[in-house]
Amino acid sequence: MEGRQWELIDNERPWTANAERTWHHMKRAKCVRLCRERFYWLALAAQIPKLNAVSVEVRPTVVNRRGFPDVAACFPAAKAGIDGLVDAGVIPNDTPNHPLKLTFFPATVTGKDSMRITVKEEL
């Protein structure tokens, strides 16, 4: 059963697992840190309270169909976003006991790059 929900929108194009494989480890660390920080601040701004269990939905948007990502290709960016929720104190950690479900939706073309994470309280 679901309770309240919050939408957090990061206006950066989420990177994909395929892209990440080609990066130097320092570039990857920087991207993870920045995404994690953005979702930390988005969670604080949304005033999401401390929750015990949540489900998370991830919806990427892209400028155009060039380099259109596969479903769940943005998993590394989504993982960094969930870590930002942990940093903000929304959930205690990201073990299987807290994000009970992680759902990825296909990217949509909207004319802008972003990643929307919807946090749903699980009762």
N, C-alpha and C. Protein backbone atom coordinates (compact mmCIF):
# COMPACT_ATOMS: atom_id res chain seq x y z
N MET A 1 0.84 -1.18 0.00
CA MET A 1 0.00 0.00 0.00
C MET A 1 0.89 1.24 0.00
N GLU A 2 0.52 2.21 -0.81
CA GLU A 2 1.33 3.42 -0.94
C GLU A 2 0.68 4.59 -0.20
N GLY A 3 1.52 5.45 0.33
CA GLY A 3 1.08 6.66 1.00
C GLY A 3 1.41 7.87 0.15
N ARG A 4 2.09 8.81 0.74
CA ARG A 4 2.46 10.06 0.05
C ARG A 4 3.53 9.81 -1.01
N GLN A 5 3.67 10.78 -1.91
CA GLN A 5 4.74 10.67 -2.90
C GLN A 5 5.31 12.05 -3.22
N TRP A 6 6.56 12.04 -3.66
CA TRP A 6 7.29 13.26 -4.00
C TRP A 6 8.02 13.04 -5.31
N GLU A 7 8.04 14.08 -6.16
CA GLU A 7 8.79 14.01 -7.41
C GLU A 7 10.00 14.93 -7.32
N LEU A 8 11.15 14.36 -7.61
CA LEU A 8 12.41 15.10 -7.61
C LEU A 8 12.93 15.11 -9.04
N ILE A 9 13.21 16.29 -9.57
CA ILE A 9 13.65 16.39 -10.95
C ILE A 9 15.03 17.02 -11.02
N ASP A 10 15.97 16.24 -11.53
CA ASP A 10 17.34 16.70 -11.75
C ASP A 10 17.45 17.09 -13.22
N ASN A 11 17.79 18.33 -13.50
CA ASN A 11 17.84 18.83 -14.87
C ASN A 11 19.16 18.57 -15.57
N GLU A 12 19.76 17.46 -15.27
CA GLU A 12 20.97 17.00 -15.96
C GLU A 12 20.62 15.69 -16.66
N ARG A 13 21.21 15.47 -17.82
CA ARG A 13 20.96 14.20 -18.52
C ARG A 13 21.63 13.08 -17.72
N PRO A 14 20.88 12.05 -17.36
CA PRO A 14 21.50 10.96 -16.61
C PRO A 14 22.45 10.16 -17.50
N TRP A 15 23.58 9.81 -16.97
CA TRP A 15 24.52 9.02 -17.75
C TRP A 15 24.08 7.56 -17.76
N THR A 16 24.58 6.82 -18.73
CA THR A 16 24.16 5.43 -18.88
C THR A 16 25.27 4.47 -18.44
N ALA A 17 24.89 3.24 -18.24
CA ALA A 17 25.86 2.21 -17.87
C ALA A 17 26.88 2.03 -18.99
N ASN A 18 26.43 2.11 -20.25
CA ASN A 18 27.36 1.97 -21.37
C ASN A 18 28.40 3.08 -21.38
N ALA A 19 27.98 4.31 -21.15
CA ALA A 19 28.93 5.43 -21.11
C ALA A 19 29.89 5.27 -19.94
N GLU A 20 29.36 4.89 -18.81
CA GLU A 20 30.17 4.78 -17.60
C GLU A 20 31.32 3.78 -17.77
N ARG A 21 31.10 2.74 -18.55
CA ARG A 21 32.13 1.72 -18.76
C ARG A 21 33.39 2.27 -19.42
N THR A 22 33.23 3.37 -20.14
CA THR A 22 34.38 3.93 -20.87
C THR A 22 35.11 5.01 -20.07
N TRP A 23 34.58 5.40 -18.94
CA TRP A 23 35.14 6.52 -18.19
C TRP A 23 36.31 6.11 -17.29
N HIS A 24 37.15 7.10 -17.05
CA HIS A 24 38.18 6.97 -16.01
C HIS A 24 37.47 6.98 -14.66
N HIS A 25 38.01 6.29 -13.69
CA HIS A 25 37.34 6.17 -12.39
C HIS A 25 37.13 7.53 -11.70
N MET A 26 38.00 8.49 -11.98
CA MET A 26 37.83 9.81 -11.36
C MET A 26 36.64 10.56 -11.97
N LYS A 27 36.42 10.40 -13.27
CA LYS A 27 35.26 11.03 -13.91
C LYS A 27 33.98 10.42 -13.35
N ARG A 28 33.97 9.11 -13.21
CA ARG A 28 32.80 8.43 -12.65
C ARG A 28 32.53 8.93 -11.23
N ALA A 29 33.56 9.00 -10.41
CA ALA A 29 33.40 9.45 -9.02
C ALA A 29 32.83 10.87 -8.97
N LYS A 30 33.29 11.74 -9.85
CA LYS A 30 32.80 13.12 -9.87
C LYS A 30 31.32 13.16 -10.26
N CYS A 31 30.93 12.40 -11.28
CA CYS A 31 29.52 12.38 -11.71
C CYS A 31 28.62 11.82 -10.62
N VAL A 32 29.06 10.76 -9.96
CA VAL A 32 28.28 10.18 -8.86
C VAL A 32 28.13 11.19 -7.74
N ARG A 33 29.22 11.85 -7.36
CA ARG A 33 29.17 12.83 -6.27
C ARG A 33 28.21 13.97 -6.59
N LEU A 34 28.29 14.49 -7.80
CA LEU A 34 27.43 15.62 -8.17
C LEU A 34 25.95 15.23 -8.22
N CYS A 35 25.66 14.09 -8.79
CA CYS A 35 24.26 13.62 -8.86
C CYS A 35 23.73 13.35 -7.45
N ARG A 36 24.54 12.72 -6.65
CA ARG A 36 24.16 12.42 -5.27
C ARG A 36 23.86 13.71 -4.51
N GLU A 37 24.71 14.71 -4.69
CA GLU A 37 24.49 16.01 -4.03
C GLU A 37 23.22 16.68 -4.53
N ARG A 38 22.97 16.62 -5.83
CA ARG A 38 21.75 17.26 -6.37
C ARG A 38 20.50 16.62 -5.77
N PHE A 39 20.46 15.30 -5.68
CA PHE A 39 19.28 14.65 -5.11
C PHE A 39 19.19 14.85 -3.59
N TYR A 40 20.31 15.00 -2.95
CA TYR A 40 20.30 15.37 -1.52
C TYR A 40 19.56 16.69 -1.35
N TRP A 41 19.95 17.71 -2.13
CA TRP A 41 19.34 19.03 -2.02
C TRP A 41 17.89 19.03 -2.49
N LEU A 42 17.59 18.26 -3.53
CA LEU A 42 16.20 18.17 -3.99
C LEU A 42 15.31 17.55 -2.92
N ALA A 43 15.81 16.53 -2.23
CA ALA A 43 15.03 15.88 -1.17
C ALA A 43 14.80 16.85 -0.01
N LEU A 44 15.82 17.61 0.35
CA LEU A 44 15.66 18.58 1.43
C LEU A 44 14.67 19.67 1.03
N ALA A 45 14.77 20.16 -0.21
CA ALA A 45 13.86 21.21 -0.68
C ALA A 45 12.41 20.72 -0.72
N ALA A 46 12.23 19.44 -1.04
CA ALA A 46 10.88 18.87 -1.09
C ALA A 46 10.34 18.54 0.30
N GLN A 47 11.20 18.67 1.30
CA GLN A 47 10.84 18.39 2.70
C GLN A 47 10.27 16.98 2.87
N ILE A 48 10.95 16.03 2.24
CA ILE A 48 10.54 14.63 2.40
C ILE A 48 10.93 14.20 3.81
N PRO A 49 9.98 13.69 4.58
CA PRO A 49 10.31 13.27 5.94
C PRO A 49 11.09 11.95 5.95
N LYS A 50 11.58 11.60 7.11
CA LYS A 50 12.25 10.32 7.28
C LYS A 50 11.21 9.22 7.07
N LEU A 51 11.52 8.29 6.18
CA LEU A 51 10.60 7.20 5.86
C LEU A 51 11.31 5.86 6.07
N ASN A 52 10.58 4.86 6.44
CA ASN A 52 11.17 3.55 6.64
C ASN A 52 11.24 2.76 5.35
N ALA A 53 10.18 2.82 4.55
CA ALA A 53 10.14 2.03 3.33
C ALA A 53 9.57 2.88 2.20
N VAL A 54 10.21 2.79 1.05
CA VAL A 54 9.77 3.55 -0.12
C VAL A 54 9.86 2.68 -1.36
N SER A 55 9.14 3.09 -2.38
CA SER A 55 9.38 2.56 -3.72
C SER A 55 9.85 3.76 -4.54
N VAL A 56 10.66 3.48 -5.54
CA VAL A 56 11.27 4.54 -6.33
C VAL A 56 10.98 4.28 -7.81
N GLU A 57 10.53 5.31 -8.50
CA GLU A 57 10.31 5.25 -9.95
C GLU A 57 11.27 6.22 -10.62
N VAL A 58 11.88 5.77 -11.70
CA VAL A 58 12.87 6.58 -12.42
C VAL A 58 12.38 6.80 -13.85
N ARG A 59 12.30 8.08 -14.23
CA ARG A 59 11.84 8.46 -15.57
C ARG A 59 12.83 9.46 -16.17
N PRO A 60 13.68 9.01 -17.10
CA PRO A 60 14.57 9.96 -17.78
C PRO A 60 13.85 10.66 -18.93
N THR A 61 14.24 11.89 -19.20
CA THR A 61 13.77 12.60 -20.38
C THR A 61 14.99 13.07 -21.16
N VAL A 62 14.85 13.16 -22.47
CA VAL A 62 15.97 13.55 -23.32
C VAL A 62 15.53 14.62 -24.32
N VAL A 63 16.52 15.34 -24.83
CA VAL A 63 16.26 16.43 -25.78
C VAL A 63 15.69 15.88 -27.08
N ASN A 64 16.33 14.82 -27.60
CA ASN A 64 15.91 14.24 -28.87
C ASN A 64 16.23 12.75 -28.88
N ARG A 65 15.93 12.10 -29.97
CA ARG A 65 16.12 10.65 -30.05
C ARG A 65 17.56 10.25 -30.39
N ARG A 66 18.45 11.21 -30.59
CA ARG A 66 19.85 10.88 -30.85
C ARG A 66 20.45 10.25 -29.59
N GLY A 67 21.00 9.09 -29.72
CA GLY A 67 21.56 8.40 -28.56
C GLY A 67 20.51 8.00 -27.55
N PHE A 68 19.31 7.68 -28.04
CA PHE A 68 18.18 7.34 -27.17
C PHE A 68 18.55 6.15 -26.29
N PRO A 69 18.43 6.27 -24.97
CA PRO A 69 18.88 5.21 -24.07
C PRO A 69 17.88 4.05 -23.95
N ASP A 70 18.41 2.89 -23.65
CA ASP A 70 17.59 1.73 -23.34
C ASP A 70 16.88 1.96 -22.00
N VAL A 71 15.84 1.18 -21.76
CA VAL A 71 15.17 1.22 -20.46
C VAL A 71 16.20 0.80 -19.39
N ALA A 72 16.24 1.53 -18.32
CA ALA A 72 17.13 1.28 -17.17
C ALA A 72 18.61 1.52 -17.48
N ALA A 73 18.93 2.09 -18.63
CA ALA A 73 20.32 2.39 -18.94
C ALA A 73 20.89 3.41 -17.96
N CYS A 74 20.00 4.23 -17.37
CA CYS A 74 20.45 5.26 -16.43
C CYS A 74 20.59 4.73 -15.00
N PHE A 75 20.68 3.41 -14.86
CA PHE A 75 20.79 2.83 -13.52
C PHE A 75 21.89 3.46 -12.67
N PRO A 76 23.11 3.69 -13.19
CA PRO A 76 24.14 4.28 -12.34
C PRO A 76 23.75 5.66 -11.79
N ALA A 77 23.11 6.48 -12.62
CA ALA A 77 22.67 7.80 -12.16
C ALA A 77 21.54 7.66 -11.14
N ALA A 78 20.63 6.73 -11.37
CA ALA A 78 19.53 6.50 -10.43
C ALA A 78 20.06 6.03 -9.08
N LYS A 79 21.06 5.17 -9.10
CA LYS A 79 21.68 4.68 -7.86
C LYS A 79 22.29 5.84 -7.09
N ALA A 80 22.95 6.75 -7.79
CA ALA A 80 23.52 7.93 -7.14
C ALA A 80 22.41 8.79 -6.55
N GLY A 81 21.29 8.92 -7.26
CA GLY A 81 20.14 9.68 -6.75
C GLY A 81 19.58 9.07 -5.48
N ILE A 82 19.48 7.75 -5.45
CA ILE A 82 18.98 7.06 -4.25
C ILE A 82 19.96 7.25 -3.09
N ASP A 83 21.25 7.23 -3.39
CA ASP A 83 22.25 7.52 -2.34
C ASP A 83 22.06 8.92 -1.78
N GLY A 84 21.65 9.86 -2.62
CA GLY A 84 21.34 11.21 -2.16
C GLY A 84 20.17 11.22 -1.20
N LEU A 85 19.18 10.35 -1.43
CA LEU A 85 18.05 10.23 -0.50
C LEU A 85 18.52 9.71 0.86
N VAL A 86 19.46 8.79 0.84
CA VAL A 86 20.05 8.28 2.09
C VAL A 86 20.79 9.41 2.80
N ASP A 87 21.59 10.16 2.06
CA ASP A 87 22.34 11.28 2.64
C ASP A 87 21.41 12.32 3.27
N ALA A 88 20.24 12.53 2.67
CA ALA A 88 19.27 13.51 3.18
C ALA A 88 18.45 12.96 4.34
N GLY A 89 18.65 11.69 4.68
CA GLY A 89 17.93 11.10 5.81
C GLY A 89 16.51 10.65 5.47
N VAL A 90 16.18 10.59 4.18
CA VAL A 90 14.84 10.15 3.79
C VAL A 90 14.67 8.67 4.12
N ILE A 91 15.66 7.87 3.79
CA ILE A 91 15.66 6.45 4.15
C ILE A 91 16.96 6.15 4.88
N PRO A 92 16.95 5.18 5.78
CA PRO A 92 18.15 4.91 6.59
C PRO A 92 19.34 4.43 5.76
N ASN A 93 19.10 3.61 4.75
CA ASN A 93 20.14 3.13 3.86
C ASN A 93 19.47 2.55 2.62
N ASP A 94 20.28 2.05 1.71
CA ASP A 94 19.68 1.53 0.48
C ASP A 94 19.78 0.02 0.39
N THR A 95 19.59 -0.63 1.53
CA THR A 95 19.50 -2.09 1.53
C THR A 95 18.12 -2.49 1.03
N PRO A 96 17.88 -3.76 0.76
CA PRO A 96 16.56 -4.19 0.25
C PRO A 96 15.40 -3.94 1.22
N ASN A 97 15.67 -3.56 2.44
CA ASN A 97 14.59 -3.31 3.40
C ASN A 97 13.99 -1.91 3.27
N HIS A 98 14.60 -1.04 2.52
CA HIS A 98 14.13 0.35 2.50
C HIS A 98 13.60 0.77 1.13
N PRO A 99 14.41 0.81 0.06
CA PRO A 99 13.72 0.93 -1.22
C PRO A 99 13.18 -0.46 -1.55
N LEU A 100 11.89 -0.67 -1.35
CA LEU A 100 11.30 -1.99 -1.56
C LEU A 100 11.15 -2.32 -3.04
N LYS A 101 11.08 -1.28 -3.86
CA LYS A 101 10.86 -1.50 -5.29
C LYS A 101 11.53 -0.37 -6.06
N LEU A 102 12.18 -0.72 -7.16
CA LEU A 102 12.81 0.25 -8.04
C LEU A 102 12.28 -0.02 -9.45
N THR A 103 11.58 0.95 -10.02
CA THR A 103 10.95 0.79 -11.33
C THR A 103 11.53 1.80 -12.31
N PHE A 104 11.94 1.32 -13.47
CA PHE A 104 12.46 2.19 -14.52
C PHE A 104 11.44 2.29 -15.64
N PHE A 105 11.24 3.50 -16.14
CA PHE A 105 10.37 3.74 -17.27
C PHE A 105 11.23 4.14 -18.46
N PRO A 106 10.77 3.89 -19.69
CA PRO A 106 11.55 4.30 -20.86
C PRO A 106 11.71 5.82 -20.91
N ALA A 107 12.80 6.24 -21.49
CA ALA A 107 13.03 7.69 -21.67
C ALA A 107 11.96 8.25 -22.60
N THR A 108 11.62 9.51 -22.36
CA THR A 108 10.70 10.21 -23.24
C THR A 108 11.41 11.44 -23.80
N VAL A 109 11.02 11.82 -25.01
CA VAL A 109 11.59 13.00 -25.66
C VAL A 109 10.73 14.20 -25.27
N THR A 110 11.35 15.15 -24.56
CA THR A 110 10.61 16.33 -24.09
C THR A 110 11.28 17.63 -24.49
N GLY A 111 12.41 17.54 -25.16
CA GLY A 111 13.13 18.75 -25.53
C GLY A 111 14.10 19.22 -24.46
N LYS A 112 14.20 18.46 -23.37
CA LYS A 112 15.20 18.78 -22.34
C LYS A 112 15.67 17.49 -21.68
N ASP A 113 16.87 17.54 -21.16
CA ASP A 113 17.44 16.40 -20.45
C ASP A 113 17.09 16.50 -18.98
N SER A 114 16.69 15.40 -18.40
CA SER A 114 16.45 15.36 -16.96
C SER A 114 16.26 13.92 -16.50
N MET A 115 16.26 13.75 -15.21
CA MET A 115 15.91 12.47 -14.60
C MET A 115 14.94 12.76 -13.47
N ARG A 116 13.77 12.20 -13.55
CA ARG A 116 12.75 12.37 -12.52
C ARG A 116 12.71 11.12 -11.67
N ILE A 117 12.89 11.32 -10.37
CA ILE A 117 12.76 10.23 -9.41
C ILE A 117 11.53 10.51 -8.56
N THR A 118 10.60 9.57 -8.59
CA THR A 118 9.40 9.67 -7.76
C THR A 118 9.59 8.75 -6.56
N VAL A 119 9.51 9.34 -5.38
CA VAL A 119 9.64 8.59 -4.12
C VAL A 119 8.24 8.38 -3.59
N LYS A 120 7.87 7.13 -3.40
CA LYS A 120 6.54 6.81 -2.88
C LYS A 120 6.68 6.11 -1.53
N GLU A 121 5.97 6.63 -0.57
CA GLU A 121 5.98 6.04 0.77
C GLU A 121 5.22 4.71 0.72
N GLU A 122 5.84 3.68 1.25
CA GLU A 122 5.21 2.37 1.35
C GLU A 122 4.73 2.19 2.78
N LEU A 123 3.46 1.88 2.93
CA LEU A 123 2.88 1.70 4.27
C LEU A 123 2.83 0.25 4.66
